[in-house]
């Protein structure tokens, strides 16, 4: 039996739901291009077996600051 709440890396089968949530949270914005959610690591939030949110991020090195995690999107 799966836990009631999970935060896990996005799986390929989650992409349709992630795109649907993005469209609801950001009406009017253009959808991300194919493979975007895999190029920018994405974690999903699952509640009672249903994907209810996600966040995407990227890692970079900023001169003068060092390693930086940059949040690309958050949708719930």
PDB file of N, CA and C in Angstrom:
ATOM      1  N   UNK A   1       0.835  -1.184   0.000  1.00  0.00           N
ATOM      2  CA  UNK A   1       0.000   0.000   0.000  1.00  0.00           C
ATOM      3  C   UNK A   1       0.882   1.250   0.000  1.00  0.00           C
ATOM      4  N   UNK A   2       0.598   2.164  -0.916  1.00  0.00           N
ATOM      5  CA  UNK A   2       1.387   3.398  -1.037  1.00  0.00           C
ATOM      6  C   UNK A   2       1.060   4.343   0.120  1.00  0.00           C
ATOM      7  N   UNK A   3       2.057   5.116   0.564  1.00  0.00           N
ATOM      8  CA  UNK A   3       1.796   6.097   1.614  1.00  0.00           C
ATOM      9  C   UNK A   3       0.760   7.123   1.154  1.00  0.00           C
ATOM     10  N   UNK A   4       0.076   7.745   2.111  1.00  0.00           N
ATOM     11  CA  UNK A   4      -0.942   8.752   1.797  1.00  0.00           C
ATOM     12  C   UNK A   4      -0.346   9.941   1.053  1.00  0.00           C
ATOM     13  N   UNK A   5       0.866  10.355   1.460  1.00  0.00           N
ATOM     14  CA  UNK A   5       1.539  11.499   0.821  1.00  0.00           C
ATOM     15  C   UNK A   5       2.916  11.069   0.354  1.00  0.00           C
ATOM     16  N   UNK A   6       3.287  11.531  -0.840  1.00  0.00           N
ATOM     17  CA  UNK A   6       4.613  11.233  -1.371  1.00  0.00           C
ATOM     18  C   UNK A   6       5.149  12.451  -2.101  1.00  0.00           C
ATOM     19  N   UNK A   7       6.435  12.657  -2.005  1.00  0.00           N
ATOM     20  CA  UNK A   7       7.148  13.616  -2.840  1.00  0.00           C
ATOM     21  C   UNK A   7       8.234  12.804  -3.523  1.00  0.00           C
ATOM     22  N   UNK A   8       8.115  12.671  -4.850  1.00  0.00           N
ATOM     23  CA  UNK A   8       8.999  11.780  -5.599  1.00  0.00           C
ATOM     24  C   UNK A   8       9.444  12.447  -6.897  1.00  0.00           C
ATOM     25  N   UNK A   9      10.534  11.966  -7.508  1.00  0.00           N
ATOM     26  CA  UNK A   9      10.912  12.476  -8.828  1.00  0.00           C
ATOM     27  C   UNK A   9       9.814  12.165  -9.846  1.00  0.00           C
ATOM     28  N   UNK A  10       9.608  13.072 -10.772  1.00  0.00           N
ATOM     29  CA  UNK A  10       8.604  12.869 -11.810  1.00  0.00           C
ATOM     30  C   UNK A  10       8.959  11.663 -12.658  1.00  0.00           C
ATOM     31  N   UNK A  11       7.959  10.851 -12.932  1.00  0.00           N
ATOM     32  CA  UNK A  11       8.117   9.689 -13.806  1.00  0.00           C
ATOM     33  C   UNK A  11       7.538  10.036 -15.180  1.00  0.00           C
ATOM     34  N   UNK A  12       7.969   9.372 -16.248  1.00  0.00           N
ATOM     35  CA  UNK A  12       7.428   9.680 -17.572  1.00  0.00           C
ATOM     36  C   UNK A  12       5.901   9.657 -17.622  1.00  0.00           C
ATOM     37  N   UNK A  13       5.276   8.742 -16.910  1.00  0.00           N
ATOM     38  CA  UNK A  13       3.811   8.650 -16.924  1.00  0.00           C
ATOM     39  C   UNK A  13       3.118   9.805 -16.191  1.00  0.00           C
ATOM     40  N   UNK A  14       3.883  10.627 -15.471  1.00  0.00           N
ATOM     41  CA  UNK A  14       3.311  11.779 -14.763  1.00  0.00           C
ATOM     42  C   UNK A  14       3.193  13.022 -15.645  1.00  0.00           C
ATOM     43  N   UNK A  15       3.832  13.011 -16.817  1.00  0.00           N
ATOM     44  CA  UNK A  15       3.930  14.236 -17.611  1.00  0.00           C
ATOM     45  C   UNK A  15       2.568  14.805 -18.014  1.00  0.00           C
ATOM     46  N   UNK A  16       1.634  13.984 -18.392  1.00  0.00           N
ATOM     47  CA  UNK A  16       0.315  14.495 -18.803  1.00  0.00           C
ATOM     48  C   UNK A  16      -0.341  15.250 -17.660  1.00  0.00           C
ATOM     49  N   UNK A  17      -0.319  14.676 -16.455  1.00  0.00           N
ATOM     50  CA  UNK A  17      -0.921  15.348 -15.304  1.00  0.00           C
ATOM     51  C   UNK A  17      -0.169  16.631 -14.934  1.00  0.00           C
ATOM     52  N   UNK A  18       1.152  16.603 -15.028  1.00  0.00           N
ATOM     53  CA  UNK A  18       1.945  17.801 -14.732  1.00  0.00           C
ATOM     54  C   UNK A  18       1.566  18.918 -15.703  1.00  0.00           C
ATOM     55  N   UNK A  19       1.428  18.603 -16.971  1.00  0.00           N
ATOM     56  CA  UNK A  19       1.038  19.610 -17.962  1.00  0.00           C
ATOM     57  C   UNK A  19      -0.378  20.129 -17.714  1.00  0.00           C
ATOM     58  N   UNK A  20      -1.287  19.267 -17.283  1.00  0.00           N
ATOM     59  CA  UNK A  20      -2.653  19.699 -16.963  1.00  0.00           C
ATOM     60  C   UNK A  20      -2.650  20.656 -15.768  1.00  0.00           C
ATOM     61  N   UNK A  21      -1.870  20.338 -14.739  1.00  0.00           N
ATOM     62  CA  UNK A  21      -1.783  21.205 -13.562  1.00  0.00           C
ATOM     63  C   UNK A  21      -1.156  22.542 -13.948  1.00  0.00           C
ATOM     64  N   UNK A  22      -0.114  22.522 -14.772  1.00  0.00           N
ATOM     65  CA  UNK A  22       0.525  23.761 -15.235  1.00  0.00           C
ATOM     66  C   UNK A  22      -0.494  24.652 -15.940  1.00  0.00           C
ATOM     67  N   UNK A  23      -1.321  24.071 -16.796  1.00  0.00           N
ATOM     68  CA  UNK A  23      -2.323  24.840 -17.540  1.00  0.00           C
ATOM     69  C   UNK A  23      -3.350  25.482 -16.608  1.00  0.00           C
ATOM     70  N   UNK A  24      -3.726  24.781 -15.538  1.00  0.00           N
ATOM     71  CA  UNK A  24      -4.686  25.330 -14.572  1.00  0.00           C
ATOM     72  C   UNK A  24      -4.048  26.444 -13.753  1.00  0.00           C
ATOM     73  N   UNK A  25      -2.806  26.243 -13.333  1.00  0.00           N
ATOM     74  CA  UNK A  25      -2.124  27.230 -12.483  1.00  0.00           C
ATOM     75  C   UNK A  25      -1.661  28.457 -13.257  1.00  0.00           C
ATOM     76  N   UNK A  26      -1.387  28.305 -14.540  1.00  0.00           N
ATOM     77  CA  UNK A  26      -0.873  29.403 -15.360  1.00  0.00           C
ATOM     78  C   UNK A  26      -1.706  29.547 -16.633  1.00  0.00           C
ATOM     79  N   UNK A  27      -2.992  29.910 -16.500  1.00  0.00           N
ATOM     80  CA  UNK A  27      -3.812  30.032 -17.705  1.00  0.00           C
ATOM     81  C   UNK A  27      -3.235  31.089 -18.648  1.00  0.00           C
ATOM     82  N   UNK A  28      -3.214  30.757 -19.909  1.00  0.00           N
ATOM     83  CA  UNK A  28      -2.708  31.700 -20.905  1.00  0.00           C
ATOM     84  C   UNK A  28      -1.228  31.565 -21.194  1.00  0.00           C
ATOM     85  N   UNK A  29      -0.475  30.905 -20.328  1.00  0.00           N
ATOM     86  CA  UNK A  29       0.955  30.709 -20.606  1.00  0.00           C
ATOM     87  C   UNK A  29       1.140  29.569 -21.607  1.00  0.00           C
ATOM     88  N   UNK A  30       2.137  29.699 -22.432  1.00  0.00           N
ATOM     89  CA  UNK A  30       2.456  28.648 -23.395  1.00  0.00           C
ATOM     90  C   UNK A  30       3.006  27.444 -22.630  1.00  0.00           C
ATOM     91  N   UNK A  31       2.593  26.257 -23.046  1.00  0.00           N
ATOM     92  CA  UNK A  31       3.103  25.036 -22.414  1.00  0.00           C
ATOM     93  C   UNK A  31       4.607  24.898 -22.643  1.00  0.00           C
ATOM     94  N   UNK A  32       5.259  24.252 -21.717  1.00  0.00           N
ATOM     95  CA  UNK A  32       6.694  23.979 -21.853  1.00  0.00           C
ATOM     96  C   UNK A  32       6.930  23.051 -23.036  1.00  0.00           C
ATOM     97  N   UNK A  33       8.096  23.145 -23.691  1.00  0.00           N
ATOM     98  CA  UNK A  33       8.381  22.260 -24.830  1.00  0.00           C
ATOM     99  C   UNK A  33       8.557  20.802 -24.376  1.00  0.00           C
ATOM    100  N   UNK A  34       8.503  19.877 -25.340  1.00  0.00           N
ATOM    101  CA  UNK A  34       8.705  18.463 -24.998  1.00  0.00           C
ATOM    102  C   UNK A  34      10.018  18.259 -24.229  1.00  0.00           C
ATOM    103  N   UNK A  35      10.010  17.376 -23.295  1.00  0.00           N
ATOM    104  CA  UNK A  35      11.158  16.980 -22.468  1.00  0.00           C
ATOM    105  C   UNK A  35      11.614  18.060 -21.487  1.00  0.00           C
ATOM    106  N   UNK A  36      10.923  19.190 -21.434  1.00  0.00           N
ATOM    107  CA  UNK A  36      11.324  20.278 -20.539  1.00  0.00           C
ATOM    108  C   UNK A  36      11.370  19.800 -19.087  1.00  0.00           C
ATOM    109  N   UNK A  37      10.357  19.063 -18.654  1.00  0.00           N
ATOM    110  CA  UNK A  37      10.274  18.632 -17.256  1.00  0.00           C
ATOM    111  C   UNK A  37      11.339  17.607 -16.896  1.00  0.00           C
ATOM    112  N   UNK A  38      11.982  17.029 -17.899  1.00  0.00           N
ATOM    113  CA  UNK A  38      13.076  16.100 -17.626  1.00  0.00           C
ATOM    114  C   UNK A  38      14.430  16.798 -17.727  1.00  0.00           C
ATOM    115  N   UNK A  39      14.514  17.836 -18.560  1.00  0.00           N
ATOM    116  CA  UNK A  39      15.747  18.627 -18.646  1.00  0.00           C
ATOM    117  C   UNK A  39      15.933  19.446 -17.372  1.00  0.00           C
ATOM    118  N   UNK A  40      14.819  19.894 -16.792  1.00  0.00           N
ATOM    119  CA  UNK A  40      14.819  20.612 -15.515  1.00  0.00           C
ATOM    120  C   UNK A  40      14.176  19.670 -14.506  1.00  0.00           C
ATOM    121  N   UNK A  41      14.967  19.087 -13.625  1.00  0.00           N
ATOM    122  CA  UNK A  41      14.412  18.086 -12.716  1.00  0.00           C
ATOM    123  C   UNK A  41      13.101  18.569 -12.087  1.00  0.00           C
ATOM    124  N   UNK A  42      12.162  17.661 -12.027  1.00  0.00           N
ATOM    125  CA  UNK A  42      10.839  17.966 -11.505  1.00  0.00           C
ATOM    126  C   UNK A  42      10.477  16.928 -10.453  1.00  0.00           C
ATOM    127  N   UNK A  43       9.984  17.405  -9.325  1.00  0.00           N
ATOM    128  CA  UNK A  43       9.460  16.500  -8.310  1.00  0.00           C
ATOM    129  C   UNK A  43       7.953  16.733  -8.223  1.00  0.00           C
ATOM    130  N   UNK A  44       7.230  15.649  -7.943  1.00  0.00           N
ATOM    131  CA  UNK A  44       5.778  15.724  -7.887  1.00  0.00           C
ATOM    132  C   UNK A  44       5.301  15.427  -6.475  1.00  0.00           C
ATOM    133  N   UNK A  45       4.146  16.002  -6.145  1.00  0.00           N
ATOM    134  CA  UNK A  45       3.511  15.775  -4.849  1.00  0.00           C
ATOM    135  C   UNK A  45       2.265  14.951  -5.096  1.00  0.00           C
ATOM    136  N   UNK A  46       2.196  13.789  -4.464  1.00  0.00           N
ATOM    137  CA  UNK A  46       1.069  12.876  -4.621  1.00  0.00           C
ATOM    138  C   UNK A  46       0.346  12.792  -3.284  1.00  0.00           C
ATOM    139  N   UNK A  47      -0.956  12.976  -3.334  1.00  0.00           N
ATOM    140  CA  UNK A  47      -1.810  12.922  -2.146  1.00  0.00           C
ATOM    141  C   UNK A  47      -2.911  11.915  -2.420  1.00  0.00           C
ATOM    142  N   UNK A  48      -2.994  10.903  -1.581  1.00  0.00           N
ATOM    143  CA  UNK A  48      -4.012   9.857  -1.704  1.00  0.00           C
ATOM    144  C   UNK A  48      -4.029   9.252  -3.112  1.00  0.00           C
ATOM    145  N   UNK A  49      -2.833   9.025  -3.682  1.00  0.00           N
ATOM    146  CA  UNK A  49      -2.714   8.386  -4.979  1.00  0.00           C
ATOM    147  C   UNK A  49      -2.938   9.297  -6.172  1.00  0.00           C
ATOM    148  N   UNK A  50      -3.154  10.592  -5.934  1.00  0.00           N
ATOM    149  CA  UNK A  50      -3.402  11.535  -7.033  1.00  0.00           C
ATOM    150  C   UNK A  50      -2.309  12.592  -7.065  1.00  0.00           C
ATOM    151  N   UNK A  51      -1.781  12.870  -8.252  1.00  0.00           N
ATOM    152  CA  UNK A  51      -0.768  13.903  -8.416  1.00  0.00           C
ATOM    153  C   UNK A  51      -1.466  15.259  -8.276  1.00  0.00           C
ATOM    154  N   UNK A  52      -1.059  16.039  -7.283  1.00  0.00           N
ATOM    155  CA  UNK A  52      -1.733  17.314  -7.005  1.00  0.00           C
ATOM    156  C   UNK A  52      -0.829  18.532  -7.152  1.00  0.00           C
ATOM    157  N   UNK A  53       0.449  18.340  -7.403  1.00  0.00           N
ATOM    158  CA  UNK A  53       1.345  19.480  -7.557  1.00  0.00           C
ATOM    159  C   UNK A  53       2.730  19.040  -7.970  1.00  0.00           C
ATOM    160  N   UNK A  54       3.539  20.037  -8.333  1.00  0.00           N
ATOM    161  CA  UNK A  54       4.915  19.744  -8.745  1.00  0.00           C
ATOM    162  C   UNK A  54       5.764  20.998  -8.614  1.00  0.00           C
ATOM    163  N   UNK A  55       7.067  20.797  -8.635  1.00  0.00           N
ATOM    164  CA  UNK A  55       8.024  21.894  -8.741  1.00  0.00           C
ATOM    165  C   UNK A  55       9.176  21.445  -9.626  1.00  0.00           C
ATOM    166  N   UNK A  56       9.664  22.372 -10.432  1.00  0.00           N
ATOM    167  CA  UNK A  56      10.801  22.115 -11.316  1.00  0.00           C
ATOM    168  C   UNK A  56      11.939  23.050 -10.919  1.00  0.00           C
ATOM    169  N   UNK A  57      13.153  22.595 -11.139  1.00  0.00           N
ATOM    170  CA  UNK A  57      14.298  23.418 -10.762  1.00  0.00           C
ATOM    171  C   UNK A  57      15.457  23.146 -11.695  1.00  0.00           C
ATOM    172  N   UNK A  58      16.458  23.973 -11.590  1.00  0.00           N
ATOM    173  CA  UNK A  58      17.698  23.746 -12.327  1.00  0.00           C
ATOM    174  C   UNK A  58      18.862  24.111 -11.405  1.00  0.00           C
ATOM    175  N   UNK A  59      19.981  23.532 -11.662  1.00  0.00           N
ATOM    176  CA  UNK A  59      21.197  23.830 -10.910  1.00  0.00           C
ATOM    177  C   UNK A  59      22.167  24.535 -11.843  1.00  0.00           C
ATOM    178  N   UNK A  60      22.835  25.544 -11.327  1.00  0.00           N
ATOM    179  CA  UNK A  60      23.799  26.283 -12.142  1.00  0.00           C
ATOM    180  C   UNK A  60      24.909  26.800 -11.234  1.00  0.00           C
ATOM    181  N   UNK A  61      25.951  27.281 -11.830  1.00  0.00           N
ATOM    182  CA  UNK A  61      27.032  27.940 -11.085  1.00  0.00           C
ATOM    183  C   UNK A  61      26.987  29.415 -11.461  1.00  0.00           C
ATOM    184  N   UNK A  62      26.789  30.272 -10.476  1.00  0.00           N
ATOM    185  CA  UNK A  62      26.749  31.709 -10.716  1.00  0.00           C
ATOM    186  C   UNK A  62      28.082  32.309 -10.293  1.00  0.00           C
ATOM    187  N   UNK A  63      28.757  32.990 -11.210  1.00  0.00           N
ATOM    188  CA  UNK A  63      30.043  33.601 -10.873  1.00  0.00           C
ATOM    189  C   UNK A  63      29.903  34.500  -9.634  1.00  0.00           C
ATOM    190  N   UNK A  64      30.790  34.315  -8.714  1.00  0.00           N
ATOM    191  CA  UNK A  64      30.774  35.102  -7.489  1.00  0.00           C
ATOM    192  C   UNK A  64      29.885  34.541  -6.394  1.00  0.00           C
ATOM    193  N   UNK A  65      29.022  33.586  -6.739  1.00  0.00           N
ATOM    194  CA  UNK A  65      28.119  33.008  -5.743  1.00  0.00           C
ATOM    195  C   UNK A  65      28.302  31.506  -5.583  1.00  0.00           C
ATOM    196  N   UNK A  66      28.721  30.829  -6.654  1.00  0.00           N
ATOM    197  CA  UNK A  66      28.901  29.388  -6.594  1.00  0.00           C
ATOM    198  C   UNK A  66      27.660  28.637  -7.052  1.00  0.00           C
ATOM    199  N   UNK A  67      27.523  27.424  -6.579  1.00  0.00           N
ATOM    200  CA  UNK A  67      26.403  26.577  -6.981  1.00  0.00           C
ATOM    201  C   UNK A  67      25.085  27.186  -6.522  1.00  0.00           C
ATOM    202  N   UNK A  68      24.121  27.179  -7.428  1.00  0.00           N
ATOM    203  CA  UNK A  68      22.830  27.800  -7.144  1.00  0.00           C
ATOM    204  C   UNK A  68      21.705  26.902  -7.644  1.00  0.00           C
ATOM    205  N   UNK A  69      20.703  26.693  -6.808  1.00  0.00           N
ATOM    206  CA  UNK A  69      19.494  25.994  -7.211  1.00  0.00           C
ATOM    207  C   UNK A  69      18.470  27.061  -7.544  1.00  0.00           C
ATOM    208  N   UNK A  70      17.922  26.992  -8.748  1.00  0.00           N
ATOM    209  CA  UNK A  70      16.988  27.999  -9.223  1.00  0.00           C
ATOM    210  C   UNK A  70      15.641  27.338  -9.435  1.00  0.00           C
ATOM    211  N   UNK A  71      14.629  27.767  -8.704  1.00  0.00           N
ATOM    212  CA  UNK A  71      13.276  27.229  -8.867  1.00  0.00           C
ATOM    213  C   UNK A  71      12.661  27.737 -10.145  1.00  0.00           C
ATOM    214  N   UNK A  72      12.232  26.813 -11.006  1.00  0.00           N
ATOM    215  CA  UNK A  72      11.659  27.181 -12.298  1.00  0.00           C
ATOM    216  C   UNK A  72      10.149  27.347 -12.219  1.00  0.00           C
ATOM    217  N   UNK A  73       9.480  26.566 -11.402  1.00  0.00           N
ATOM    218  CA  UNK A  73       8.028  26.580 -11.362  1.00  0.00           C
ATOM    219  C   UNK A  73       7.550  25.865 -10.117  1.00  0.00           C
ATOM    220  N   UNK A  74       6.417  26.288  -9.609  1.00  0.00           N
ATOM    221  CA  UNK A  74       5.731  25.589  -8.520  1.00  0.00           C
ATOM    222  C   UNK A  74       4.247  25.655  -8.838  1.00  0.00           C
ATOM    223  N   UNK A  75       3.589  24.520  -8.874  1.00  0.00           N
ATOM    224  CA  UNK A  75       2.150  24.470  -9.141  1.00  0.00           C
ATOM    225  C   UNK A  75       1.513  23.474  -8.183  1.00  0.00           C
ATOM    226  N   UNK A  76       0.419  23.881  -7.570  1.00  0.00           N
ATOM    227  CA  UNK A  76      -0.338  22.981  -6.681  1.00  0.00           C
ATOM    228  C   UNK A  76      -1.813  23.136  -7.001  1.00  0.00           C
TER     229      UNK A  76
END
